[in-house]
Amino acid sequence: MGRLLRPLLRGTTYTRLLHLWVPVLIQSLWMFIDPSKPWVPALALLPVGLIPAVRRGEGVQAQLLLTPGEEDPGFSVTPATAWPDRLRTVLWLEVRVVLGAVTVFACVWLPILAYELAATALGHAHDDVPVLSEATPHAGYLLLVPVPLLALYGLVVGLGALATVLARRLLGPSAAERMTALEERAEQLLERNRIARELHDSIGHALTVAVVQAGAARAAGDPAFTDRALDAIEETGRAALEDLERVLGVLRESRRPVGSRPTLTDADRLLESARASGAKVEAELTGPLDRVPAPVSREGYRILQESLTNVLRHAGAVPVRVRVAVGDGSLDLEVRNPLTGGAPGPGRGSGLRGIRERAALLGGRARTGPEGGDWQVRVELPLR
């Protein structure tokens, strides 16, 4: 019994009822003007539904009254941009008028019928309901009183649910809008992936440098070396804080330009950081790095950063050869270091996966793994 009465305790039941009554108000006003032509308001809705902004208004009404409180009700709240959307809006308006008329009829006449049944059972017949005008008063009519009330309950709840289903079909997003939503969702996922890689590369690099420097300073026992190590840790930590602030700004939907991210023209900072951690870095930078397209240069910087971080993390203070060459149509980046037992196997680790993902997003290629006794990261990125 409680489950049966539960819809009567929901506010949604009554907001849907209000939504179905709204078109009937216009119909009622017209009846004062020309009751002989009740079909005129429904006919007038045909050109009204073709107006692009009407679709937005109907979508907002449906969202507020048919599905109040739902986060994603599935209604389009943008103006119609194509003829199929306009025709669906017209059909929805006509359906809404019909459902509203049925609802008002049920809300008016079914309670009257229940009242007349009770009055007939008590011997007070009325002429409001022709079927009962000539009925003989009998107590048995009391058993029929709940029937119109149950029918009213079913119609009010059922028509509200039916209106919601039809609204989702007729006022739902078009194929173009769904495609736009999917593209926006894909962009959001790509942005989240990019932010995760940014945090992994920048913060991971800074922590690796700090750990290596601290361990080297403790082992060296040399005050001068300790001072240099602390300076390197401070510089790397400051750079990591700047990166973290920028990434958090993206998460807060700030409007800071993408151009604030470091590029290959800032590669010296990475190389000096690796040297300060004890690695013997030999770098060969050829070609006009400042003319590399910004997206390629930014991703190349992060690839180089992750490669050096992996060297420090897995191999320690070992000789490292870095080659960055800008050719006519591609950017070649290679990082090699002696292969040690602590080096990861090919294809393992989120950092190596991030390198391959960055290269693939730009249409390039990346190879990571052992090569001639060395651990090699080789990436080729197209410049166009």
Protein backbone atom coordinates (compact mmCIF):
# COMPACT_ATOMS: atom_id res chain seq x y z
CA MET A 1 0.00 0.00 0.00
CA GLY A 2 2.84 2.35 0.83
CA ARG A 3 4.44 1.75 -2.55
CA LEU A 4 1.13 2.53 -4.25
CA LEU A 5 0.77 5.84 -2.44
CA ARG A 6 4.42 6.84 -2.81
CA PRO A 7 3.91 8.75 -6.13
CA LEU A 8 1.34 10.96 -4.37
CA LEU A 9 4.04 12.09 -1.94
CA ARG A 10 6.51 13.09 -4.65
CA GLY A 11 6.70 16.67 -5.79
CA THR A 12 7.55 15.46 -9.31
CA THR A 13 4.00 14.09 -9.71
CA TYR A 14 2.50 17.54 -9.22
CA THR A 15 5.09 19.46 -11.25
CA ARG A 16 4.37 17.11 -14.15
CA LEU A 17 0.66 17.72 -13.66
CA LEU A 18 1.29 21.47 -13.78
CA HIS A 19 3.34 21.01 -16.95
CA LEU A 20 0.39 19.21 -18.60
CA TRP A 21 -2.07 21.90 -17.51
CA VAL A 22 -0.17 24.85 -19.01
CA PRO A 23 -1.31 24.34 -22.66
CA VAL A 24 -4.92 23.93 -21.52
CA LEU A 25 -4.84 27.43 -20.05
CA ILE A 26 -4.35 28.79 -23.56
CA GLN A 27 -7.13 26.54 -24.81
CA SER A 28 -9.43 27.80 -22.04
CA LEU A 29 -8.81 31.43 -22.96
CA TRP A 30 -9.64 30.68 -26.58
CA MET A 31 -12.96 29.12 -25.55
CA PHE A 32 -14.06 32.55 -24.36
CA ILE A 33 -13.27 33.96 -27.81
CA ASP A 34 -14.74 31.34 -30.15
CA PRO A 35 -15.91 28.09 -28.51
CA SER A 36 -17.16 26.81 -31.86
CA LYS A 37 -13.60 26.28 -33.11
CA PRO A 38 -11.66 24.59 -30.29
CA TRP A 39 -9.05 23.28 -32.73
CA VAL A 40 -7.65 26.75 -33.57
CA PRO A 41 -5.02 26.86 -30.73
CA ALA A 42 -3.65 23.47 -31.77
CA LEU A 43 -3.45 24.65 -35.37
CA ALA A 44 -1.67 27.85 -34.30
CA LEU A 45 1.05 25.78 -32.60
CA LEU A 46 2.22 24.42 -35.96
CA PRO A 47 4.11 27.57 -37.05
CA VAL A 48 5.07 28.38 -33.45
CA GLY A 49 6.96 25.10 -33.12
CA LEU A 50 9.09 25.99 -36.15
CA ILE A 51 10.65 28.94 -34.30
CA PRO A 52 14.15 27.81 -33.18
CA ALA A 53 13.93 29.43 -29.73
CA VAL A 54 10.71 27.54 -28.89
CA ARG A 55 12.68 24.31 -28.65
CA ARG A 56 14.91 25.84 -26.01
CA GLY A 57 11.91 27.07 -24.01
CA GLU A 58 10.22 23.69 -24.15
CA GLY A 59 13.43 21.96 -23.13
CA VAL A 60 13.87 24.26 -20.12
CA GLN A 61 10.22 23.74 -19.07
CA ALA A 62 10.56 19.99 -19.37
CA GLN A 63 13.77 20.03 -17.37
CA LEU A 64 12.26 22.09 -14.56
CA LEU A 65 8.82 20.45 -14.35
CA LEU A 66 9.09 16.93 -15.74
CA THR A 67 12.46 15.99 -14.21
CA PRO A 68 13.20 18.47 -11.40
CA GLY A 69 16.47 17.80 -9.62
CA GLU A 70 17.91 15.38 -12.19
CA GLU A 71 21.47 16.19 -13.26
CA ASP A 72 21.14 14.92 -16.83
CA PRO A 73 17.46 14.69 -17.80
CA GLY A 74 18.24 14.27 -21.50
CA PHE A 75 16.51 17.38 -22.87
CA SER A 76 18.01 19.77 -25.38
CA VAL A 77 18.17 23.34 -24.07
CA THR A 78 19.54 24.91 -27.24
CA PRO A 79 17.60 26.44 -30.17
CA ALA A 80 16.72 24.18 -33.05
CA THR A 81 19.35 24.25 -35.78
CA ALA A 82 17.88 21.77 -38.26
CA TRP A 83 14.46 21.09 -39.71
CA PRO A 84 14.12 17.65 -38.10
CA ASP A 85 14.52 19.29 -34.69
CA ARG A 86 11.87 21.89 -35.54
CA LEU A 87 9.43 19.23 -36.72
CA ARG A 88 10.01 17.24 -33.55
CA THR A 89 9.24 20.39 -31.56
CA VAL A 90 5.97 20.84 -33.46
CA LEU A 91 5.00 17.24 -32.78
CA TRP A 92 5.83 17.68 -29.10
CA LEU A 93 3.61 20.76 -28.82
CA GLU A 94 0.67 18.89 -30.34
CA VAL A 95 1.23 15.87 -28.11
CA ARG A 96 1.44 18.15 -25.10
CA VAL A 97 -1.94 19.71 -25.95
CA VAL A 98 -3.59 16.30 -26.29
CA LEU A 99 -2.12 14.99 -23.04
CA GLY A 100 -3.09 18.20 -21.27
CA ALA A 101 -6.68 17.96 -22.47
CA VAL A 102 -6.94 14.35 -21.28
CA THR A 103 -5.45 15.29 -17.91
CA VAL A 104 -7.83 18.19 -17.33
CA PHE A 105 -10.80 16.06 -18.36
CA ALA A 106 -9.74 13.36 -15.89
CA CYS A 107 -9.06 15.82 -13.06
CA VAL A 108 -12.45 17.48 -13.49
CA TRP A 109 -14.85 14.66 -14.33
CA LEU A 110 -13.49 11.68 -12.43
CA PRO A 111 -13.88 13.39 -9.00
CA ILE A 112 -17.37 14.50 -10.06
CA LEU A 113 -18.20 10.93 -11.01
CA ALA A 114 -16.99 9.68 -7.61
CA TYR A 115 -19.10 12.29 -5.87
CA GLU A 116 -22.19 11.41 -7.92
CA LEU A 117 -21.78 7.72 -7.16
CA ALA A 118 -21.67 8.48 -3.46
CA ALA A 119 -24.69 10.80 -3.75
CA THR A 120 -26.67 8.18 -5.69
CA ALA A 121 -25.86 5.57 -3.06
CA LEU A 122 -27.26 7.93 -0.41
CA GLY A 123 -30.39 8.72 -2.41
CA HIS A 124 -29.36 12.18 -3.64
CA ALA A 125 -29.20 11.78 -7.39
CA HIS A 126 -27.92 14.68 -9.52
CA ASP A 127 -27.98 15.49 -13.21
CA ASP A 128 -24.25 16.32 -13.55
CA VAL A 129 -23.53 12.80 -14.83
CA PRO A 130 -26.11 11.69 -17.45
CA VAL A 131 -25.40 8.01 -16.82
CA LEU A 132 -26.52 8.38 -13.19
CA SER A 133 -29.37 10.84 -13.72
CA GLU A 134 -31.94 8.05 -13.93
CA ALA A 135 -30.19 5.56 -11.66
CA THR A 136 -32.12 4.13 -8.73
CA PRO A 137 -30.47 5.02 -5.42
CA HIS A 138 -28.74 1.98 -3.96
CA ALA A 139 -26.07 1.48 -1.32
CA GLY A 140 -24.13 -0.69 -3.75
CA TYR A 141 -22.94 2.41 -5.58
CA LEU A 142 -20.61 3.09 -2.64
CA LEU A 143 -18.49 0.15 -3.81
CA LEU A 144 -17.93 1.94 -7.13
CA VAL A 145 -16.74 5.23 -5.58
CA PRO A 146 -13.03 4.18 -5.45
CA VAL A 147 -13.04 3.22 -9.14
CA PRO A 148 -12.94 6.75 -10.65
CA LEU A 149 -10.50 7.83 -7.92
CA LEU A 150 -8.13 4.98 -8.78
CA ALA A 151 -8.54 5.85 -12.46
CA LEU A 152 -7.67 9.47 -11.64
CA TYR A 153 -4.58 8.32 -9.74
CA GLY A 154 -3.47 6.13 -12.63
CA LEU A 155 -4.04 8.84 -15.23
CA VAL A 156 -2.27 11.58 -13.26
CA VAL A 157 0.80 9.43 -12.56
CA GLY A 158 0.76 7.59 -15.88
CA LEU A 159 0.26 10.63 -18.09
CA GLY A 160 3.06 12.44 -16.27
CA ALA A 161 5.41 9.50 -16.88
CA LEU A 162 4.26 9.25 -20.51
CA ALA A 163 4.86 12.96 -21.06
CA THR A 164 8.39 12.58 -19.66
CA VAL A 165 9.19 9.65 -21.96
CA LEU A 166 7.82 11.44 -25.03
CA ALA A 167 9.64 14.65 -24.10
CA ARG A 168 12.93 12.81 -23.95
CA ARG A 169 12.27 11.39 -27.41
CA LEU A 170 11.03 14.60 -29.04
CA LEU A 171 13.04 17.19 -27.10
CA GLY A 172 16.17 15.09 -26.69
CA PRO A 173 19.45 16.10 -28.32
CA SER A 174 19.75 15.65 -32.06
CA ALA A 175 22.45 13.53 -33.69
CA ALA A 176 24.58 16.64 -34.21
CA GLU A 177 24.18 17.67 -30.56
CA ARG A 178 25.06 14.18 -29.37
CA MET A 179 28.16 14.22 -31.56
CA THR A 180 29.14 17.60 -30.12
CA ALA A 181 28.65 16.29 -26.60
CA LEU A 182 30.79 13.25 -27.38
CA GLU A 183 33.52 15.47 -28.80
CA GLU A 184 33.43 17.67 -25.70
CA ARG A 185 33.63 14.59 -23.49
CA ALA A 186 36.58 13.29 -25.50
CA GLU A 187 38.31 16.67 -25.15
CA GLN A 188 37.76 16.56 -21.39
CA LEU A 189 39.24 13.07 -21.16
CA LEU A 190 42.23 14.11 -23.27
CA GLU A 191 42.71 17.15 -21.06
CA ARG A 192 42.60 15.00 -17.93
CA ASN A 193 45.12 12.62 -19.51
CA ARG A 194 47.37 15.54 -20.38
CA ILE A 195 47.15 16.93 -16.85
CA ALA A 196 48.00 13.52 -15.39
CA ARG A 197 51.04 13.29 -17.65
CA GLU A 198 52.06 16.84 -16.75
CA LEU A 199 51.94 16.05 -13.04
CA HIS A 200 53.74 12.75 -13.51
CA ASP A 201 56.53 14.31 -15.57
CA SER A 202 57.14 17.54 -13.67
CA ILE A 203 56.56 16.41 -10.09
CA GLY A 204 58.13 13.00 -10.70
CA HIS A 205 61.24 14.65 -12.16
CA ALA A 206 61.55 17.05 -9.24
CA LEU A 207 61.16 14.33 -6.62
CA THR A 208 63.64 12.08 -8.40
CA VAL A 209 66.23 14.85 -8.56
CA ALA A 210 65.65 15.73 -4.90
CA VAL A 211 66.03 12.10 -3.77
CA VAL A 212 69.17 11.55 -5.83
CA GLN A 213 70.73 14.82 -4.68
CA ALA A 214 69.95 14.17 -1.03
CA GLY A 215 71.38 10.65 -1.19
CA ALA A 216 74.51 11.85 -2.97
CA ALA A 217 75.03 14.65 -0.45
CA ARG A 218 74.73 12.25 2.47
CA ALA A 219 77.19 9.80 0.89
CA ALA A 220 79.73 12.45 -0.14
CA GLY A 221 80.17 14.04 3.29
CA ASP A 222 81.51 17.16 1.54
CA PRO A 223 80.03 20.52 2.70
CA ALA A 224 80.68 22.14 -0.68
CA PHE A 225 78.94 19.30 -2.53
CA THR A 226 76.08 19.41 -0.03
CA ASP A 227 75.58 23.12 -0.72
CA ARG A 228 75.47 22.49 -4.47
CA ALA A 229 73.03 19.65 -3.93
CA LEU A 230 70.76 21.84 -1.82
CA ASP A 231 70.86 24.56 -4.47
CA ALA A 232 69.87 22.02 -7.13
CA ILE A 233 67.05 20.68 -4.94
CA GLU A 234 65.81 24.23 -4.31
CA GLU A 235 65.86 25.15 -7.99
CA THR A 236 64.17 21.93 -9.07
CA GLY A 237 61.55 22.25 -6.32
CA ARG A 238 60.78 25.82 -7.33
CA ALA A 239 60.30 24.78 -10.95
CA ALA A 240 58.06 21.90 -9.84
CA LEU A 241 55.96 24.28 -7.75
CA GLU A 242 55.50 26.51 -10.81
CA ASP A 243 54.39 23.51 -12.86
CA LEU A 244 52.04 22.38 -10.10
CA GLU A 245 50.50 25.85 -9.83
CA ARG A 246 49.94 25.95 -13.58
CA VAL A 247 48.33 22.48 -13.67
CA LEU A 248 46.11 23.31 -10.69
CA GLY A 249 45.13 26.47 -12.54
CA VAL A 250 43.92 24.31 -15.41
CA LEU A 251 41.92 22.17 -12.98
CA ARG A 252 40.32 25.33 -11.63
CA GLU A 253 39.40 26.26 -15.23
CA SER A 254 41.66 29.25 -15.26
CA ARG A 255 42.32 30.98 -18.57
CA ARG A 256 46.09 30.90 -18.45
CA PRO A 257 47.52 30.40 -21.94
CA VAL A 258 48.97 27.07 -23.00
CA GLY A 259 52.05 28.97 -24.15
CA SER A 260 53.19 29.29 -20.52
CA ARG A 261 54.24 25.63 -20.60
CA PRO A 262 58.00 25.00 -21.06
CA THR A 263 59.37 24.11 -24.50
CA LEU A 264 62.58 22.68 -25.91
CA THR A 265 64.14 26.14 -25.78
CA ASP A 266 64.17 25.55 -22.00
CA ALA A 267 66.00 22.22 -22.36
CA ASP A 268 69.15 23.61 -20.74
CA ARG A 269 67.31 23.73 -17.43
CA LEU A 270 66.64 20.00 -17.63
CA LEU A 271 70.20 19.18 -18.65
CA GLU A 272 71.71 21.23 -15.83
CA SER A 273 69.33 19.64 -13.34
CA ALA A 274 70.43 16.17 -14.45
CA ARG A 275 74.12 17.19 -14.28
CA ALA A 276 73.61 18.59 -10.80
CA SER A 277 72.23 15.19 -9.77
CA GLY A 278 75.52 13.52 -10.76
CA ALA A 279 74.70 12.34 -14.28
CA LYS A 280 77.35 13.02 -16.90
CA VAL A 281 75.19 14.49 -19.64
CA GLU A 282 76.56 15.02 -23.14
CA ALA A 283 74.03 17.01 -25.16
CA GLU A 284 73.90 17.66 -28.88
CA LEU A 285 71.23 20.18 -29.87
CA THR A 286 71.11 20.96 -33.57
CA GLY A 287 68.69 22.91 -35.68
CA PRO A 288 66.45 25.91 -34.93
CA LEU A 289 64.69 24.83 -31.73
CA ASP A 290 62.90 28.17 -31.52
CA ARG A 291 61.15 27.47 -34.83
CA VAL A 292 59.69 24.12 -33.78
CA PRO A 293 55.86 24.36 -33.62
CA ALA A 294 54.71 25.04 -30.07
CA PRO A 295 52.76 21.77 -29.53
CA VAL A 296 55.70 19.69 -30.77
CA SER A 297 58.20 21.69 -28.72
CA ARG A 298 56.13 21.39 -25.53
CA GLU A 299 55.65 17.65 -25.88
CA GLY A 300 59.33 17.21 -26.82
CA TYR A 301 60.32 18.98 -23.61
CA ARG A 302 58.16 16.65 -21.54
CA ILE A 303 59.52 13.58 -23.34
CA LEU A 304 63.07 14.72 -22.64
CA GLN A 305 62.17 15.42 -19.02
CA GLU A 306 60.63 11.98 -18.52
CA SER A 307 63.61 10.30 -20.22
CA LEU A 308 66.12 12.02 -17.94
CA THR A 309 63.94 11.26 -14.91
CA ASN A 310 63.95 7.58 -15.82
CA VAL A 311 67.75 7.62 -16.10
CA LEU A 312 68.16 9.15 -12.64
CA ARG A 313 65.51 6.92 -11.11
CA HIS A 314 66.64 3.58 -12.53
CA ALA A 315 70.32 4.00 -13.45
CA GLY A 316 71.55 6.75 -11.14
CA ALA A 317 74.57 8.94 -11.89
CA VAL A 318 75.63 7.40 -15.20
CA PRO A 319 76.80 8.91 -18.50
CA VAL A 320 73.88 10.08 -20.60
CA ARG A 321 73.93 11.07 -24.26
CA VAL A 322 71.18 13.43 -25.41
CA ARG A 323 70.59 14.28 -29.04
CA VAL A 324 67.91 16.71 -30.22
CA ALA A 325 67.91 17.41 -33.95
CA VAL A 326 65.50 19.61 -35.89
CA GLY A 327 65.29 18.54 -39.52
CA ASP A 328 63.25 19.70 -42.47
CA GLY A 329 60.12 17.80 -41.53
CA SER A 330 60.71 16.14 -38.17
CA LEU A 331 62.16 16.49 -34.70
CA ASP A 332 64.42 13.64 -33.60
CA LEU A 333 65.05 13.17 -29.90
CA GLU A 334 67.29 10.45 -28.48
CA VAL A 335 68.42 9.73 -24.92
CA ARG A 336 70.88 6.86 -24.25
CA ASN A 337 72.51 5.61 -21.07
CA PRO A 338 74.36 2.42 -20.08
CA LEU A 339 71.93 -0.39 -19.37
CA THR A 340 71.90 -1.42 -15.71
CA GLY A 341 70.06 -4.11 -13.79
CA GLY A 342 67.62 -1.55 -12.43
CA ALA A 343 66.38 -0.43 -15.80
CA PRO A 344 62.75 -1.20 -16.55
CA GLY A 345 61.85 -3.65 -19.25
CA PRO A 346 60.41 -2.49 -22.55
CA GLY A 347 56.84 -1.25 -22.35
CA ARG A 348 56.64 -1.05 -18.56
CA GLY A 349 55.96 1.99 -16.44
CA SER A 350 53.53 4.87 -16.79
CA GLY A 351 56.36 7.20 -17.79
CA LEU A 352 57.31 5.13 -20.83
CA ARG A 353 53.65 4.75 -21.73
CA GLY A 354 53.26 8.52 -21.45
CA ILE A 355 56.18 9.02 -23.87
CA ARG A 356 54.56 6.76 -26.44
CA GLU A 357 51.17 8.44 -25.95
CA ARG A 358 52.65 11.91 -26.44
CA ALA A 359 54.37 10.83 -29.64
CA ALA A 360 51.26 9.09 -30.97
CA LEU A 361 49.05 12.14 -30.33
CA LEU A 362 51.34 14.19 -32.55
CA GLY A 363 51.47 11.51 -35.26
CA GLY A 364 55.00 10.51 -34.35
CA ARG A 365 56.79 7.36 -33.24
CA ALA A 366 58.57 6.40 -30.03
CA ARG A 367 60.82 3.48 -29.22
CA THR A 368 61.94 2.63 -25.71
CA GLY A 369 64.09 -0.30 -24.72
CA PRO A 370 67.57 -1.88 -24.80
CA GLU A 371 69.78 -1.09 -27.78
CA GLY A 372 73.40 -2.25 -28.09
CA GLY A 373 74.08 -2.43 -24.36
CA ASP A 374 72.36 0.91 -23.71
CA TRP A 375 68.88 1.91 -22.65
CA GLN A 376 67.48 4.05 -25.43
CA VAL A 377 64.53 6.39 -25.80
CA ARG A 378 64.16 7.49 -29.40
CA VAL A 379 61.29 9.65 -30.57
CA GLU A 380 60.49 11.11 -33.97
CA LEU A 381 57.87 13.86 -34.13
CA PRO A 382 56.59 15.39 -37.38
CA LEU A 383 56.81 19.17 -37.56
CA ARG A 384 53.77 19.52 -39.80
